[in-house]
Amino acid sequence: MAKKFAAIDPLALILKGEAYIKLTLPDPPPPGVLRTEIREAVQAMSAAEKRSALAKAETLAVYVSALKRELRR
């Protein structure tokens, strides 16, 4: 039996609003613009939202590391 996977955009779990939209455009803005957008999005978050987003980002970093290891094999 084939495994079924749900596709979830990890950035959607971390960022909200316009910063997320701009990051996921087919032709995203240059890194400097993205840094500004991310900084503004983070500044608008409450302390609890920041803690939650950081925890999610750290979890995603673990997944990305595992994926990178497998791809390098």
PDB file of N, CA and C in Angstrom:
ATOM      1  N   MET A   1       0.844  -1.177   0.000  1.00  0.00           N
ATOM      2  CA  MET A   1       0.000   0.000   0.000  1.00  0.00           C
ATOM      3  C   MET A   1       0.894   1.247   0.000  1.00  0.00           C
ATOM      4  N   ALA A   2       0.584   2.177  -0.864  1.00  0.00           N
ATOM      5  CA  ALA A   2       1.375   3.398  -0.978  1.00  0.00           C
ATOM      6  C   ALA A   2       1.110   4.320   0.207  1.00  0.00           C
ATOM      7  N   LYS A   3       2.168   4.986   0.632  1.00  0.00           N
ATOM      8  CA  LYS A   3       2.023   5.961   1.712  1.00  0.00           C
ATOM      9  C   LYS A   3       1.389   7.224   1.166  1.00  0.00           C
ATOM     10  N   LYS A   4       0.565   7.834   1.979  1.00  0.00           N
ATOM     11  CA  LYS A   4      -0.045   9.108   1.595  1.00  0.00           C
ATOM     12  C   LYS A   4       0.605  10.215   2.403  1.00  0.00           C
ATOM     13  N   PHE A   5       0.922  11.290   1.743  1.00  0.00           N
ATOM     14  CA  PHE A   5       1.544  12.428   2.390  1.00  0.00           C
ATOM     15  C   PHE A   5       0.692  13.669   2.176  1.00  0.00           C
ATOM     16  N   ALA A   6       0.605  14.478   3.173  1.00  0.00           N
ATOM     17  CA  ALA A   6      -0.065  15.769   3.051  1.00  0.00           C
ATOM     18  C   ALA A   6       1.005  16.825   2.805  1.00  0.00           C
ATOM     19  N   ALA A   7       0.751  17.677   1.867  1.00  0.00           N
ATOM     20  CA  ALA A   7       1.701  18.741   1.559  1.00  0.00           C
ATOM     21  C   ALA A   7       1.361  19.971   2.392  1.00  0.00           C
ATOM     22  N   ILE A   8       2.289  20.363   3.223  1.00  0.00           N
ATOM     23  CA  ILE A   8       2.117  21.563   4.038  1.00  0.00           C
ATOM     24  C   ILE A   8       3.324  22.453   3.779  1.00  0.00           C
ATOM     25  N   ASP A   9       3.069  23.672   3.451  1.00  0.00           N
ATOM     26  CA  ASP A   9       4.155  24.608   3.224  1.00  0.00           C
ATOM     27  C   ASP A   9       4.698  25.028   4.588  1.00  0.00           C
ATOM     28  N   PRO A  10       5.950  24.663   4.900  1.00  0.00           N
ATOM     29  CA  PRO A  10       6.495  24.983   6.216  1.00  0.00           C
ATOM     30  C   PRO A  10       6.522  26.471   6.532  1.00  0.00           C
ATOM     31  N   LEU A  11       6.721  27.295   5.525  1.00  0.00           N
ATOM     32  CA  LEU A  11       6.726  28.741   5.778  1.00  0.00           C
ATOM     33  C   LEU A  11       5.364  29.234   6.244  1.00  0.00           C
ATOM     34  N   ALA A  12       4.310  28.572   5.790  1.00  0.00           N
ATOM     35  CA  ALA A  12       2.965  28.972   6.211  1.00  0.00           C
ATOM     36  C   ALA A  12       2.769  28.737   7.701  1.00  0.00           C
ATOM     37  N   LEU A  13       3.533  27.812   8.267  1.00  0.00           N
ATOM     38  CA  LEU A  13       3.431  27.538   9.697  1.00  0.00           C
ATOM     39  C   LEU A  13       4.148  28.595  10.532  1.00  0.00           C
ATOM     40  N   ILE A  14       5.071  29.307   9.910  1.00  0.00           N
ATOM     41  CA  ILE A  14       5.913  30.247  10.644  1.00  0.00           C
ATOM     42  C   ILE A  14       5.526  31.698  10.390  1.00  0.00           C
ATOM     43  N   LEU A  15       5.394  32.059   9.132  1.00  0.00           N
ATOM     44  CA  LEU A  15       5.118  33.454   8.775  1.00  0.00           C
ATOM     45  C   LEU A  15       3.658  33.645   8.395  1.00  0.00           C
ATOM     46  N   LYS A  16       3.189  34.836   8.608  1.00  0.00           N
ATOM     47  CA  LYS A  16       1.817  35.179   8.255  1.00  0.00           C
ATOM     48  C   LYS A  16       1.823  36.371   7.319  1.00  0.00           C
ATOM     49  N   GLY A  17       0.723  36.561   6.664  1.00  0.00           N
ATOM     50  CA  GLY A  17       0.497  37.782   5.913  1.00  0.00           C
ATOM     51  C   GLY A  17       1.384  37.978   4.708  1.00  0.00           C
ATOM     52  N   GLU A  18       1.670  39.237   4.462  1.00  0.00           N
ATOM     53  CA  GLU A  18       2.365  39.630   3.246  1.00  0.00           C
ATOM     54  C   GLU A  18       3.784  39.067   3.149  1.00  0.00           C
ATOM     55  N   ALA A  19       4.472  38.924   4.255  1.00  0.00           N
ATOM     56  CA  ALA A  19       5.832  38.358   4.210  1.00  0.00           C
ATOM     57  C   ALA A  19       5.791  36.942   3.652  1.00  0.00           C
ATOM     58  N   TYR A  20       4.830  36.150   4.086  1.00  0.00           N
ATOM     59  CA  TYR A  20       4.691  34.786   3.572  1.00  0.00           C
ATOM     60  C   TYR A  20       4.379  34.806   2.081  1.00  0.00           C
ATOM     61  N   ILE A  21       3.457  35.658   1.686  1.00  0.00           N
ATOM     62  CA  ILE A  21       3.063  35.731   0.275  1.00  0.00           C
ATOM     63  C   ILE A  21       4.266  36.091  -0.595  1.00  0.00           C
ATOM     64  N   LYS A  22       5.025  37.084  -0.179  1.00  0.00           N
ATOM     65  CA  LYS A  22       6.177  37.510  -0.974  1.00  0.00           C
ATOM     66  C   LYS A  22       7.245  36.425  -1.049  1.00  0.00           C
ATOM     67  N   LEU A  23       7.424  35.670   0.033  1.00  0.00           N
ATOM     68  CA  LEU A  23       8.425  34.604   0.026  1.00  0.00           C
ATOM     69  C   LEU A  23       8.038  33.453  -0.892  1.00  0.00           C
ATOM     70  N   THR A  24       6.760  33.288  -1.143  1.00  0.00           N
ATOM     71  CA  THR A  24       6.316  32.149  -1.935  1.00  0.00           C
ATOM     72  C   THR A  24       5.953  32.518  -3.367  1.00  0.00           C
ATOM     73  N   LEU A  25       6.204  33.728  -3.775  1.00  0.00           N
ATOM     74  CA  LEU A  25       5.971  34.114  -5.168  1.00  0.00           C
ATOM     75  C   LEU A  25       6.910  33.341  -6.083  1.00  0.00           C
ATOM     76  N   PRO A  26       6.485  33.063  -7.323  1.00  0.00           N
ATOM     77  CA  PRO A  26       7.376  32.361  -8.257  1.00  0.00           C
ATOM     78  C   PRO A  26       8.689  33.115  -8.486  1.00  0.00           C
ATOM     79  N   ASP A  27       8.635  34.424  -8.438  1.00  0.00           N
ATOM     80  CA  ASP A  27       9.825  35.255  -8.602  1.00  0.00           C
ATOM     81  C   ASP A  27       9.922  36.153  -7.372  1.00  0.00           C
ATOM     82  N   PRO A  28      10.437  35.610  -6.251  1.00  0.00           N
ATOM     83  CA  PRO A  28      10.446  36.402  -5.019  1.00  0.00           C
ATOM     84  C   PRO A  28      11.359  37.621  -5.119  1.00  0.00           C
ATOM     85  N   PRO A  29      11.121  38.604  -4.270  1.00  0.00           N
ATOM     86  CA  PRO A  29      11.971  39.790  -4.254  1.00  0.00           C
ATOM     87  C   PRO A  29      13.406  39.430  -3.839  1.00  0.00           C
ATOM     88  N   PRO A  30      14.348  40.342  -4.074  1.00  0.00           N
ATOM     89  CA  PRO A  30      15.742  40.085  -3.688  1.00  0.00           C
ATOM     90  C   PRO A  30      15.880  39.894  -2.170  1.00  0.00           C
ATOM     91  N   PRO A  31      16.968  39.236  -1.743  1.00  0.00           N
ATOM     92  CA  PRO A  31      17.161  38.949  -0.310  1.00  0.00           C
ATOM     93  C   PRO A  31      17.047  40.164   0.604  1.00  0.00           C
ATOM     94  N   GLY A  32      17.535  41.304   0.190  1.00  0.00           N
ATOM     95  CA  GLY A  32      17.447  42.497   1.034  1.00  0.00           C
ATOM     96  C   GLY A  32      16.006  42.895   1.317  1.00  0.00           C
ATOM     97  N   VAL A  33      15.168  42.793   0.316  1.00  0.00           N
ATOM     98  CA  VAL A  33      13.746  43.107   0.481  1.00  0.00           C
ATOM     99  C   VAL A  33      13.101  42.072   1.385  1.00  0.00           C
ATOM    100  N   LEU A  34      13.454  40.805   1.188  1.00  0.00           N
ATOM    101  CA  LEU A  34      12.893  39.740   2.024  1.00  0.00           C
ATOM    102  C   LEU A  34      13.280  39.920   3.488  1.00  0.00           C
ATOM    103  N   ARG A  35      14.530  40.280   3.731  1.00  0.00           N
ATOM    104  CA  ARG A  35      14.960  40.515   5.120  1.00  0.00           C
ATOM    105  C   ARG A  35      14.112  41.597   5.770  1.00  0.00           C
ATOM    106  N   THR A  36      13.851  42.665   5.032  1.00  0.00           N
ATOM    107  CA  THR A  36      13.025  43.751   5.559  1.00  0.00           C
ATOM    108  C   THR A  36      11.611  43.257   5.845  1.00  0.00           C
ATOM    109  N   GLU A  37      11.041  42.510   4.915  1.00  0.00           N
ATOM    110  CA  GLU A  37       9.684  41.989   5.097  1.00  0.00           C
ATOM    111  C   GLU A  37       9.613  41.053   6.299  1.00  0.00           C
ATOM    112  N   ILE A  38      10.600  40.189   6.428  1.00  0.00           N
ATOM    113  CA  ILE A  38      10.617  39.249   7.558  1.00  0.00           C
ATOM    114  C   ILE A  38      10.778  40.006   8.863  1.00  0.00           C
ATOM    115  N   ARG A  39      11.684  40.977   8.890  1.00  0.00           N
ATOM    116  CA  ARG A  39      11.898  41.779  10.095  1.00  0.00           C
ATOM    117  C   ARG A  39      10.601  42.464  10.516  1.00  0.00           C
ATOM    118  N   GLU A  40       9.890  43.043   9.554  1.00  0.00           N
ATOM    119  CA  GLU A  40       8.630  43.724   9.860  1.00  0.00           C
ATOM    120  C   GLU A  40       7.575  42.739  10.366  1.00  0.00           C
ATOM    121  N   ALA A  41       7.522  41.558   9.757  1.00  0.00           N
ATOM    122  CA  ALA A  41       6.543  40.548  10.189  1.00  0.00           C
ATOM    123  C   ALA A  41       6.843  40.095  11.617  1.00  0.00           C
ATOM    124  N   VAL A  42       8.121  39.902  11.920  1.00  0.00           N
ATOM    125  CA  VAL A  42       8.505  39.458  13.265  1.00  0.00           C
ATOM    126  C   VAL A  42       8.228  40.551  14.289  1.00  0.00           C
ATOM    127  N   GLN A  43       8.502  41.800  13.947  1.00  0.00           N
ATOM    128  CA  GLN A  43       8.235  42.906  14.871  1.00  0.00           C
ATOM    129  C   GLN A  43       6.752  43.027  15.201  1.00  0.00           C
ATOM    130  N   ALA A  44       5.889  42.599  14.272  1.00  0.00           N
ATOM    131  CA  ALA A  44       4.446  42.691  14.492  1.00  0.00           C
ATOM    132  C   ALA A  44       3.917  41.524  15.336  1.00  0.00           C
ATOM    133  N   MET A  45       4.758  40.520  15.596  1.00  0.00           N
ATOM    134  CA  MET A  45       4.317  39.348  16.364  1.00  0.00           C
ATOM    135  C   MET A  45       4.369  39.626  17.863  1.00  0.00           C
ATOM    136  N   SER A  46       3.482  38.976  18.572  1.00  0.00           N
ATOM    137  CA  SER A  46       3.533  39.037  20.032  1.00  0.00           C
ATOM    138  C   SER A  46       4.670  38.128  20.507  1.00  0.00           C
ATOM    139  N   ALA A  47       5.016  38.231  21.768  1.00  0.00           N
ATOM    140  CA  ALA A  47       6.076  37.374  22.319  1.00  0.00           C
ATOM    141  C   ALA A  47       5.700  35.904  22.185  1.00  0.00           C
ATOM    142  N   ALA A  48       4.458  35.574  22.424  1.00  0.00           N
ATOM    143  CA  ALA A  48       4.010  34.178  22.308  1.00  0.00           C
ATOM    144  C   ALA A  48       4.094  33.694  20.861  1.00  0.00           C
ATOM    145  N   GLU A  49       3.715  34.547  19.910  1.00  0.00           N
ATOM    146  CA  GLU A  49       3.808  34.178  18.491  1.00  0.00           C
ATOM    147  C   GLU A  49       5.261  33.961  18.085  1.00  0.00           C
ATOM    148  N   LYS A  50       6.160  34.802  18.591  1.00  0.00           N
ATOM    149  CA  LYS A  50       7.581  34.643  18.277  1.00  0.00           C
ATOM    150  C   LYS A  50       8.114  33.324  18.820  1.00  0.00           C
ATOM    151  N   ARG A  51       7.756  32.995  20.071  1.00  0.00           N
ATOM    152  CA  ARG A  51       8.214  31.727  20.652  1.00  0.00           C
ATOM    153  C   ARG A  51       7.704  30.535  19.840  1.00  0.00           C
ATOM    154  N   SER A  52       6.447  30.599  19.454  1.00  0.00           N
ATOM    155  CA  SER A  52       5.850  29.518  18.671  1.00  0.00           C
ATOM    156  C   SER A  52       6.518  29.398  17.301  1.00  0.00           C
ATOM    157  N   ALA A  53       6.717  30.521  16.637  1.00  0.00           N
ATOM    158  CA  ALA A  53       7.357  30.507  15.322  1.00  0.00           C
ATOM    159  C   ALA A  53       8.793  30.008  15.418  1.00  0.00           C
ATOM    160  N   LEU A  54       9.516  30.400  16.461  1.00  0.00           N
ATOM    161  CA  LEU A  54      10.888  29.947  16.640  1.00  0.00           C
ATOM    162  C   LEU A  54      10.936  28.439  16.858  1.00  0.00           C
ATOM    163  N   ALA A  55      10.029  27.919  17.670  1.00  0.00           N
ATOM    164  CA  ALA A  55       9.987  26.472  17.913  1.00  0.00           C
ATOM    165  C   ALA A  55       9.708  25.726  16.611  1.00  0.00           C
ATOM    166  N   LYS A  56       8.785  26.239  15.812  1.00  0.00           N
ATOM    167  CA  LYS A  56       8.481  25.606  14.523  1.00  0.00           C
ATOM    168  C   LYS A  56       9.674  25.689  13.578  1.00  0.00           C
ATOM    169  N   ALA A  57      10.347  26.832  13.551  1.00  0.00           N
ATOM    170  CA  ALA A  57      11.513  27.004  12.685  1.00  0.00           C
ATOM    171  C   ALA A  57      12.632  26.050  13.099  1.00  0.00           C
ATOM    172  N   GLU A  58      12.834  25.860  14.394  1.00  0.00           N
ATOM    173  CA  GLU A  58      13.873  24.945  14.860  1.00  0.00           C
ATOM    174  C   GLU A  58      13.533  23.505  14.493  1.00  0.00           C
ATOM    175  N   THR A  59      12.266  23.132  14.578  1.00  0.00           N
ATOM    176  CA  THR A  59      11.846  21.797  14.165  1.00  0.00           C
ATOM    177  C   THR A  59      12.079  21.606  12.674  1.00  0.00           C
ATOM    178  N   LEU A  60      11.718  22.611  11.889  1.00  0.00           N
ATOM    179  CA  LEU A  60      11.939  22.524  10.448  1.00  0.00           C
ATOM    180  C   LEU A  60      13.416  22.419  10.115  1.00  0.00           C
ATOM    181  N   ALA A  61      14.261  23.082  10.881  1.00  0.00           N
ATOM    182  CA  ALA A  61      15.709  23.009  10.647  1.00  0.00           C
ATOM    183  C   ALA A  61      16.207  21.581  10.822  1.00  0.00           C
ATOM    184  N   VAL A  62      15.648  20.857  11.781  1.00  0.00           N
ATOM    185  CA  VAL A  62      16.023  19.453  11.988  1.00  0.00           C
ATOM    186  C   VAL A  62      15.626  18.641  10.764  1.00  0.00           C
ATOM    187  N   TYR A  63      14.409  18.866  10.257  1.00  0.00           N
ATOM    188  CA  TYR A  63      13.947  18.139   9.073  1.00  0.00           C
ATOM    189  C   TYR A  63      14.818  18.459   7.861  1.00  0.00           C
ATOM    190  N   VAL A  64      15.158  19.727   7.702  1.00  0.00           N
ATOM    191  CA  VAL A  64      15.997  20.135   6.567  1.00  0.00           C
ATOM    192  C   VAL A  64      17.373  19.488   6.669  1.00  0.00           C
ATOM    193  N   SER A  65      17.939  19.432   7.864  1.00  0.00           N
ATOM    194  CA  SER A  65      19.242  18.789   8.048  1.00  0.00           C
ATOM    195  C   SER A  65      19.188  17.313   7.652  1.00  0.00           C
ATOM    196  N   ALA A  66      18.127  16.631   8.063  1.00  0.00           N
ATOM    197  CA  ALA A  66      17.985  15.227   7.701  1.00  0.00           C
ATOM    198  C   ALA A  66      17.854  15.062   6.195  1.00  0.00           C
ATOM    199  N   LEU A  67      17.088  15.924   5.562  1.00  0.00           N
ATOM    200  CA  LEU A  67      16.925  15.864   4.122  1.00  0.00           C
ATOM    201  C   LEU A  67      18.255  16.119   3.417  1.00  0.00           C
ATOM    202  N   LYS A  68      19.000  17.121   3.878  1.00  0.00           N
ATOM    203  CA  LYS A  68      20.302  17.431   3.276  1.00  0.00           C
ATOM    204  C   LYS A  68      21.262  16.250   3.386  1.00  0.00           C
ATOM    205  N   ARG A  69      21.268  15.619   4.563  1.00  0.00           N
ATOM    206  CA  ARG A  69      22.142  14.441   4.743  1.00  0.00           C
ATOM    207  C   ARG A  69      21.809  13.348   3.732  1.00  0.00           C
ATOM    208  N   GLU A  70      20.541  13.073   3.561  1.00  0.00           N
ATOM    209  CA  GLU A  70      20.127  12.016   2.632  1.00  0.00           C
ATOM    210  C   GLU A  70      20.440  12.387   1.191  1.00  0.00           C
ATOM    211  N   LEU A  71      20.260  13.641   0.834  1.00  0.00           N
ATOM    212  CA  LEU A  71      20.533  14.068  -0.539  1.00  0.00           C
ATOM    213  C   LEU A  71      22.018  14.044  -0.853  1.00  0.00           C
ATOM    214  N   ARG A  72      22.860  14.207   0.138  1.00  0.00           N
ATOM    215  CA  ARG A  72      24.310  14.196  -0.074  1.00  0.00           C
ATOM    216  C   ARG A  72      24.870  12.783  -0.232  1.00  0.00           C
ATOM    217  N   ARG A  73      24.112  11.795   0.162  1.00  0.00           N
ATOM    218  CA  ARG A  73      24.590  10.394   0.069  1.00  0.00           C
ATOM    219  C   ARG A  73      24.788   9.966  -1.355  1.00  0.00           C
TER     220      ARG A  73
END
